[in-house]
Amino acid sequence: ARNYFSRPSAVEQDGEYYAEERLQVLADAASLKRLAVDYAHPEHGISVVEGSAFGRNYFSRASAIEQEDEVNAEERAQVLSDAASLKKLAGDYAHPERAVIATDSTVFARNYFSRASAVEQDGKYYAEERSQVLADAVSLKRLAV
């Protein structure tokens, strides 16, 4: 009788250990491929076959009681109003070409320093220079007398 497994032209067979290792490596590769596809394509739906993933959600059902209390509602309203005012301020800062709309009575006061009849004010440099000249004049007057 002929032995088809030990003849010189027979395909070499791996041992049982190597066959199990090959199956484990192929299973790991298939799992990694599935994870890579899930990561690269988030638009694909998720299919769940685990029984514990099909639990009932008692918090978002139609007959569930509203969970927000009064303190949280007030705080949420305050945060939203703060966000709205910050949005308005950010828009005013980002667009200085917009006109300023003011209803405060203190905004409409007169500027007494830049009106046409105001006395012209000297700058800091000229004021210091004038005080130095006057101090020199006083000391020269004392020396002369």
N, C-alpha and C. Protein backbone atom coordinates (compact mmCIF):
# COMPACT_ATOMS: atom_id res chain seq x y z
N ALA A 1 0.84 -1.18 0.00
CA ALA A 1 0.00 0.00 0.00
C ALA A 1 0.88 1.24 0.00
N ARG A 2 0.33 2.26 -0.57
CA ARG A 2 1.05 3.53 -0.69
C ARG A 2 0.74 4.45 0.48
N ASN A 3 1.72 5.16 0.96
CA ASN A 3 1.52 6.15 2.02
C ASN A 3 1.55 7.52 1.38
N TYR A 4 0.40 8.15 1.31
CA TYR A 4 0.30 9.43 0.61
C TYR A 4 0.83 10.61 1.45
N PHE A 5 1.06 10.41 2.75
CA PHE A 5 1.50 11.51 3.61
C PHE A 5 3.00 11.56 3.78
N SER A 6 3.69 10.46 3.61
CA SER A 6 5.13 10.47 3.82
C SER A 6 5.91 10.35 2.52
N ARG A 7 5.27 10.43 1.40
CA ARG A 7 5.99 10.35 0.15
C ARG A 7 6.72 11.68 -0.08
N PRO A 8 7.77 11.68 -0.88
CA PRO A 8 8.55 12.92 -1.09
C PRO A 8 7.75 14.02 -1.77
N SER A 9 6.75 13.74 -2.58
CA SER A 9 5.98 14.77 -3.27
C SER A 9 4.78 15.25 -2.47
N ALA A 10 4.56 14.75 -1.26
CA ALA A 10 3.41 15.15 -0.44
C ALA A 10 3.62 16.55 0.13
N VAL A 11 2.51 17.29 0.30
CA VAL A 11 2.56 18.62 0.91
C VAL A 11 2.89 18.45 2.38
N GLU A 12 3.81 19.27 2.85
CA GLU A 12 4.24 19.15 4.25
C GLU A 12 3.11 19.56 5.18
N GLN A 13 2.81 18.79 6.19
CA GLN A 13 1.73 19.05 7.13
C GLN A 13 2.30 19.65 8.41
N ASP A 14 1.59 20.64 8.95
CA ASP A 14 1.99 21.24 10.22
C ASP A 14 1.46 20.38 11.36
N GLY A 15 2.10 20.54 12.48
CA GLY A 15 1.65 19.81 13.66
C GLY A 15 0.38 20.43 14.21
N GLU A 16 -0.19 19.79 15.22
CA GLU A 16 -1.45 20.25 15.81
C GLU A 16 -1.28 21.61 16.49
N TYR A 17 -0.14 21.83 17.13
CA TYR A 17 0.13 23.09 17.82
C TYR A 17 0.12 24.25 16.82
N TYR A 18 0.81 24.07 15.68
CA TYR A 18 0.89 25.14 14.68
C TYR A 18 -0.47 25.40 14.03
N ALA A 19 -1.26 24.36 13.87
CA ALA A 19 -2.59 24.54 13.29
C ALA A 19 -3.47 25.36 14.23
N GLU A 20 -3.41 25.10 15.53
CA GLU A 20 -4.19 25.89 16.51
C GLU A 20 -3.70 27.33 16.55
N GLU A 21 -2.38 27.52 16.49
CA GLU A 21 -1.83 28.87 16.48
C GLU A 21 -2.30 29.64 15.25
N ARG A 22 -2.31 28.98 14.07
CA ARG A 22 -2.74 29.62 12.84
C ARG A 22 -4.21 30.05 12.96
N LEU A 23 -5.05 29.18 13.51
CA LEU A 23 -6.46 29.52 13.69
C LEU A 23 -6.64 30.71 14.63
N GLN A 24 -5.84 30.75 15.70
CA GLN A 24 -5.92 31.87 16.66
C GLN A 24 -5.47 33.18 16.00
N VAL A 25 -4.40 33.14 15.22
CA VAL A 25 -3.91 34.34 14.54
C VAL A 25 -4.93 34.83 13.53
N LEU A 26 -5.54 33.92 12.78
CA LEU A 26 -6.56 34.32 11.80
C LEU A 26 -7.79 34.91 12.49
N ALA A 27 -8.18 34.35 13.63
CA ALA A 27 -9.32 34.90 14.37
C ALA A 27 -9.00 36.31 14.89
N ASP A 28 -7.77 36.51 15.40
CA ASP A 28 -7.35 37.85 15.87
C ASP A 28 -7.32 38.85 14.71
N ALA A 29 -6.84 38.41 13.55
CA ALA A 29 -6.79 39.29 12.39
C ALA A 29 -8.19 39.69 11.95
N ALA A 30 -9.12 38.74 11.95
CA ALA A 30 -10.51 39.05 11.58
C ALA A 30 -11.13 40.03 12.56
N SER A 31 -10.84 39.85 13.86
CA SER A 31 -11.37 40.77 14.88
C SER A 31 -10.79 42.17 14.70
N LEU A 32 -9.48 42.26 14.45
CA LEU A 32 -8.86 43.56 14.24
C LEU A 32 -9.38 44.24 12.98
N LYS A 33 -9.64 43.45 11.94
CA LYS A 33 -10.20 44.02 10.72
C LYS A 33 -11.58 44.60 10.97
N ARG A 34 -12.40 43.90 11.76
CA ARG A 34 -13.74 44.38 12.08
C ARG A 34 -13.66 45.69 12.89
N LEU A 35 -12.72 45.74 13.85
CA LEU A 35 -12.54 46.96 14.64
C LEU A 35 -12.05 48.12 13.77
N ALA A 36 -11.14 47.83 12.84
CA ALA A 36 -10.61 48.88 11.96
C ALA A 36 -11.71 49.43 11.06
N VAL A 37 -12.56 48.57 10.55
CA VAL A 37 -13.66 49.02 9.70
C VAL A 37 -14.64 49.85 10.53
N ASP A 38 -14.94 49.44 11.75
CA ASP A 38 -15.84 50.21 12.62
C ASP A 38 -15.27 51.59 12.91
N TYR A 39 -13.94 51.66 13.12
CA TYR A 39 -13.30 52.94 13.43
C TYR A 39 -13.25 53.83 12.19
N ALA A 40 -12.96 53.26 11.04
CA ALA A 40 -12.79 54.05 9.82
C ALA A 40 -14.13 54.47 9.21
N HIS A 41 -15.20 53.76 9.53
CA HIS A 41 -16.51 54.06 8.95
C HIS A 41 -17.56 54.20 10.06
N PRO A 42 -17.58 55.36 10.74
CA PRO A 42 -18.57 55.53 11.82
C PRO A 42 -20.00 55.64 11.31
N GLU A 43 -20.17 55.84 10.01
CA GLU A 43 -21.52 55.95 9.48
C GLU A 43 -22.24 54.61 9.42
N HIS A 44 -21.49 53.51 9.49
CA HIS A 44 -22.14 52.19 9.52
C HIS A 44 -22.80 51.99 10.87
N GLY A 45 -23.93 51.36 10.87
CA GLY A 45 -24.65 51.11 12.12
C GLY A 45 -23.94 50.07 12.97
N ILE A 46 -24.33 50.01 14.23
CA ILE A 46 -23.75 49.05 15.16
C ILE A 46 -24.74 47.90 15.30
N SER A 47 -24.26 46.72 15.11
CA SER A 47 -25.12 45.54 15.30
C SER A 47 -24.70 44.85 16.59
N VAL A 48 -25.63 44.74 17.51
CA VAL A 48 -25.35 44.18 18.82
C VAL A 48 -26.05 42.83 18.93
N VAL A 49 -25.31 41.83 19.36
CA VAL A 49 -25.90 40.51 19.52
C VAL A 49 -25.86 40.05 20.98
N GLU A 50 -25.36 40.90 21.86
CA GLU A 50 -25.28 40.52 23.27
C GLU A 50 -26.63 40.79 23.93
N GLY A 51 -27.09 39.86 24.74
CA GLY A 51 -28.40 39.97 25.37
C GLY A 51 -28.50 41.09 26.38
N SER A 52 -27.40 41.43 27.06
CA SER A 52 -27.47 42.47 28.08
C SER A 52 -27.55 43.87 27.45
N ALA A 53 -27.33 43.98 26.15
CA ALA A 53 -27.40 45.28 25.49
C ALA A 53 -28.83 45.67 25.14
N PHE A 54 -29.78 44.79 25.32
CA PHE A 54 -31.16 45.06 24.95
C PHE A 54 -32.03 45.38 26.16
N GLY A 55 -31.49 46.07 27.16
CA GLY A 55 -32.25 46.43 28.35
C GLY A 55 -33.21 47.57 28.07
N ARG A 56 -34.18 47.74 28.93
CA ARG A 56 -35.17 48.79 28.79
C ARG A 56 -34.65 50.05 29.46
N ASN A 57 -34.84 51.20 28.84
CA ASN A 57 -34.42 52.46 29.40
C ASN A 57 -35.61 53.09 30.10
N TYR A 58 -35.54 53.15 31.42
CA TYR A 58 -36.66 53.67 32.21
C TYR A 58 -36.63 55.19 32.33
N PHE A 59 -35.57 55.84 31.84
CA PHE A 59 -35.44 57.28 32.01
C PHE A 59 -35.90 58.07 30.79
N SER A 60 -35.85 57.49 29.60
CA SER A 60 -36.22 58.25 28.42
C SER A 60 -37.50 57.72 27.76
N ARG A 61 -38.23 56.92 28.45
CA ARG A 61 -39.49 56.44 27.87
C ARG A 61 -40.53 57.55 27.95
N ALA A 62 -41.58 57.43 27.20
CA ALA A 62 -42.59 58.49 27.11
C ALA A 62 -43.29 58.74 28.45
N SER A 63 -43.44 57.73 29.27
CA SER A 63 -44.15 57.90 30.54
C SER A 63 -43.23 58.24 31.70
N ALA A 64 -41.95 58.51 31.42
CA ALA A 64 -41.00 58.82 32.49
C ALA A 64 -41.29 60.20 33.08
N ILE A 65 -41.01 60.35 34.36
CA ILE A 65 -41.21 61.62 35.05
C ILE A 65 -40.05 62.54 34.71
N GLU A 66 -40.33 63.82 34.54
CA GLU A 66 -39.28 64.79 34.25
C GLU A 66 -38.29 64.81 35.41
N GLN A 67 -37.00 64.76 35.12
CA GLN A 67 -35.99 64.60 36.15
C GLN A 67 -35.35 65.90 36.62
N GLU A 68 -35.58 67.03 35.96
CA GLU A 68 -34.92 68.27 36.33
C GLU A 68 -35.65 68.94 37.49
N ASP A 69 -34.91 69.31 38.53
CA ASP A 69 -35.55 69.99 39.65
C ASP A 69 -35.47 71.50 39.46
N GLU A 70 -36.06 72.24 40.39
CA GLU A 70 -36.20 73.69 40.25
C GLU A 70 -34.85 74.41 40.28
N VAL A 71 -33.95 73.96 41.15
CA VAL A 71 -32.64 74.61 41.27
C VAL A 71 -31.86 74.48 39.95
N ASN A 72 -31.87 73.28 39.38
CA ASN A 72 -31.16 73.08 38.12
C ASN A 72 -31.80 73.88 36.99
N ALA A 73 -33.12 74.00 37.00
CA ALA A 73 -33.80 74.77 35.97
C ALA A 73 -33.43 76.24 36.05
N GLU A 74 -33.38 76.78 37.27
CA GLU A 74 -32.99 78.18 37.44
C GLU A 74 -31.54 78.40 37.03
N GLU A 75 -30.69 77.47 37.41
CA GLU A 75 -29.28 77.60 37.05
C GLU A 75 -29.10 77.50 35.53
N ARG A 76 -29.83 76.60 34.89
CA ARG A 76 -29.75 76.47 33.44
C ARG A 76 -30.22 77.75 32.77
N ALA A 77 -31.31 78.34 33.28
CA ALA A 77 -31.81 79.59 32.72
C ALA A 77 -30.78 80.71 32.88
N GLN A 78 -30.12 80.76 34.04
CA GLN A 78 -29.09 81.77 34.29
C GLN A 78 -27.91 81.59 33.35
N VAL A 79 -27.48 80.34 33.17
CA VAL A 79 -26.35 80.06 32.27
C VAL A 79 -26.71 80.44 30.84
N LEU A 80 -27.93 80.14 30.42
CA LEU A 80 -28.33 80.48 29.06
C LEU A 80 -28.42 81.99 28.85
N SER A 81 -28.89 82.72 29.86
CA SER A 81 -28.95 84.18 29.73
C SER A 81 -27.54 84.77 29.70
N ASP A 82 -26.63 84.22 30.53
CA ASP A 82 -25.24 84.68 30.50
C ASP A 82 -24.61 84.41 29.14
N ALA A 83 -24.89 83.24 28.59
CA ALA A 83 -24.34 82.89 27.28
C ALA A 83 -24.88 83.82 26.20
N ALA A 84 -26.16 84.19 26.29
CA ALA A 84 -26.75 85.10 25.31
C ALA A 84 -26.11 86.49 25.40
N SER A 85 -25.88 86.98 26.63
CA SER A 85 -25.26 88.30 26.77
C SER A 85 -23.80 88.26 26.31
N LEU A 86 -23.09 87.15 26.59
CA LEU A 86 -21.72 87.04 26.10
C LEU A 86 -21.67 86.96 24.58
N LYS A 87 -22.65 86.32 23.99
CA LYS A 87 -22.72 86.25 22.53
C LYS A 87 -22.92 87.64 21.95
N LYS A 88 -23.78 88.44 22.59
CA LYS A 88 -24.01 89.80 22.12
C LYS A 88 -22.74 90.64 22.24
N LEU A 89 -22.03 90.50 23.38
CA LEU A 89 -20.79 91.25 23.57
C LEU A 89 -19.72 90.82 22.57
N ALA A 90 -19.65 89.53 22.30
CA ALA A 90 -18.66 89.04 21.33
C ALA A 90 -18.98 89.57 19.94
N GLY A 91 -20.25 89.64 19.60
CA GLY A 91 -20.64 90.22 18.31
C GLY A 91 -20.30 91.68 18.22
N ASP A 92 -20.52 92.43 19.31
CA ASP A 92 -20.16 93.85 19.33
C ASP A 92 -18.66 94.05 19.20
N TYR A 93 -17.88 93.17 19.84
CA TYR A 93 -16.43 93.28 19.79
C TYR A 93 -15.92 92.91 18.40
N ALA A 94 -16.50 91.89 17.80
CA ALA A 94 -16.02 91.40 16.51
C ALA A 94 -16.45 92.30 15.36
N HIS A 95 -17.50 93.10 15.55
CA HIS A 95 -18.00 93.97 14.48
C HIS A 95 -18.12 95.40 14.98
N PRO A 96 -17.00 96.12 15.03
CA PRO A 96 -17.07 97.50 15.53
C PRO A 96 -17.79 98.44 14.57
N GLU A 97 -18.06 98.00 13.34
CA GLU A 97 -18.75 98.87 12.40
C GLU A 97 -20.24 98.99 12.71
N ARG A 98 -20.76 98.13 13.55
CA ARG A 98 -22.18 98.21 13.92
C ARG A 98 -22.41 99.44 14.80
N ALA A 99 -23.56 100.04 14.66
CA ALA A 99 -23.90 101.21 15.46
C ALA A 99 -24.15 100.81 16.91
N VAL A 100 -23.84 101.71 17.82
CA VAL A 100 -24.08 101.48 19.23
C VAL A 100 -25.50 101.92 19.56
N ILE A 101 -26.25 101.02 20.16
CA ILE A 101 -27.62 101.33 20.56
C ILE A 101 -27.62 101.45 22.08
N ALA A 102 -27.88 102.66 22.57
CA ALA A 102 -27.83 102.89 24.00
C ALA A 102 -29.11 103.57 24.46
N THR A 103 -29.66 103.13 25.58
CA THR A 103 -30.84 103.75 26.15
C THR A 103 -30.56 104.29 27.55
N ASP A 104 -29.32 104.17 27.99
CA ASP A 104 -28.94 104.65 29.31
C ASP A 104 -28.80 106.17 29.27
N SER A 105 -29.39 106.87 30.26
CA SER A 105 -29.38 108.34 30.26
C SER A 105 -27.99 108.90 30.52
N THR A 106 -27.13 108.15 31.17
CA THR A 106 -25.78 108.65 31.44
C THR A 106 -24.90 108.64 30.21
N VAL A 107 -25.32 107.98 29.16
CA VAL A 107 -24.53 107.93 27.94
C VAL A 107 -24.61 109.24 27.17
N PHE A 108 -25.67 110.00 27.37
CA PHE A 108 -25.91 111.20 26.60
C PHE A 108 -25.40 112.46 27.30
N ALA A 109 -24.38 112.38 28.13
CA ALA A 109 -23.84 113.54 28.83
C ALA A 109 -22.92 114.33 27.91
N ARG A 110 -22.62 115.58 28.30
CA ARG A 110 -21.74 116.43 27.51
C ARG A 110 -20.30 116.16 27.85
N ASN A 111 -19.42 116.32 26.89
CA ASN A 111 -17.99 116.20 27.12
C ASN A 111 -17.42 117.61 27.22
N TYR A 112 -17.05 117.99 28.43
CA TYR A 112 -16.58 119.34 28.67
C TYR A 112 -15.12 119.54 28.29
N PHE A 113 -14.42 118.48 27.93
CA PHE A 113 -13.00 118.59 27.64
C PHE A 113 -12.70 118.70 26.15
N SER A 114 -13.58 118.19 25.30
CA SER A 114 -13.30 118.25 23.87
C SER A 114 -14.28 119.15 23.13
N ARG A 115 -15.04 119.98 23.84
CA ARG A 115 -15.95 120.87 23.15
C ARG A 115 -15.15 122.05 22.58
N ALA A 116 -15.77 122.77 21.67
CA ALA A 116 -15.05 123.85 20.98
C ALA A 116 -14.67 124.98 21.93
N SER A 117 -15.48 125.26 22.95
CA SER A 117 -15.19 126.37 23.86
C SER A 117 -14.34 125.98 25.06
N ALA A 118 -13.85 124.75 25.10
CA ALA A 118 -13.06 124.29 26.24
C ALA A 118 -11.67 124.92 26.20
N VAL A 119 -11.10 125.15 27.39
CA VAL A 119 -9.75 125.69 27.48
C VAL A 119 -8.79 124.60 27.05
N GLU A 120 -7.84 124.98 26.22
CA GLU A 120 -6.90 123.99 25.71
C GLU A 120 -5.99 123.51 26.82
N GLN A 121 -5.84 122.22 26.92
CA GLN A 121 -5.02 121.63 27.98
C GLN A 121 -3.64 121.29 27.42
N ASP A 122 -2.62 121.54 28.23
CA ASP A 122 -1.26 121.19 27.83
C ASP A 122 -1.01 119.72 28.15
N GLY A 123 -0.08 119.16 27.44
CA GLY A 123 0.29 117.78 27.70
C GLY A 123 1.15 117.67 28.95
N LYS A 124 1.45 116.46 29.35
CA LYS A 124 2.24 116.22 30.56
C LYS A 124 3.64 116.78 30.41
N TYR A 125 4.21 116.64 29.23
CA TYR A 125 5.57 117.13 29.01
C TYR A 125 5.65 118.65 29.19
N TYR A 126 4.68 119.36 28.60
CA TYR A 126 4.68 120.82 28.70
C TYR A 126 4.38 121.29 30.12
N ALA A 127 3.54 120.55 30.84
CA ALA A 127 3.24 120.93 32.23
C ALA A 127 4.49 120.77 33.09
N GLU A 128 5.24 119.70 32.90
CA GLU A 128 6.48 119.51 33.67
C GLU A 128 7.51 120.56 33.29
N GLU A 129 7.58 120.87 32.00
CA GLU A 129 8.53 121.89 31.53
C GLU A 129 8.20 123.26 32.13
N ARG A 130 6.90 123.60 32.18
CA ARG A 130 6.47 124.89 32.74
C ARG A 130 6.82 124.96 34.23
N SER A 131 6.55 123.84 34.97
CA SER A 131 6.87 123.87 36.40
C SER A 131 8.37 123.98 36.62
N GLN A 132 9.19 123.41 35.76
CA GLN A 132 10.64 123.51 35.89
C GLN A 132 11.10 124.95 35.61
N VAL A 133 10.51 125.56 34.59
CA VAL A 133 10.87 126.96 34.27
C VAL A 133 10.48 127.89 35.41
N LEU A 134 9.28 127.68 35.99
CA LEU A 134 8.85 128.53 37.12
C LEU A 134 9.74 128.31 38.34
N ALA A 135 10.15 127.09 38.60
CA ALA A 135 11.05 126.82 39.73
C ALA A 135 12.40 127.49 39.51
N ASP A 136 12.91 127.44 38.26
CA ASP A 136 14.17 128.13 37.96
C ASP A 136 14.03 129.64 38.13
N ALA A 137 12.88 130.18 37.72
CA ALA A 137 12.66 131.63 37.85
C ALA A 137 12.64 132.05 39.32
N VAL A 138 11.99 131.24 40.17
CA VAL A 138 11.94 131.54 41.60
C VAL A 138 13.34 131.51 42.20
N SER A 139 14.14 130.51 41.82
CA SER A 139 15.51 130.44 42.38
C SER A 139 16.37 131.59 41.87
N LEU A 140 16.22 132.00 40.62
CA LEU A 140 16.98 133.16 40.12
C LEU A 140 16.56 134.45 40.82
N LYS A 141 15.26 134.57 41.15
CA LYS A 141 14.76 135.76 41.83
C LYS A 141 15.37 135.85 43.22
N ARG A 142 15.50 134.70 43.89
CA ARG A 142 16.09 134.70 45.24
C ARG A 142 17.56 135.11 45.19
N LEU A 143 18.26 134.64 44.14
CA LEU A 143 19.68 135.01 44.00
C LEU A 143 19.86 136.50 43.68
N ALA A 144 18.93 137.02 42.91
CA ALA A 144 19.03 138.42 42.51
C ALA A 144 18.72 139.37 43.67
N VAL A 145 17.93 138.97 44.61
CA VAL A 145 17.54 139.85 45.69
C VAL A 145 18.46 139.78 46.85
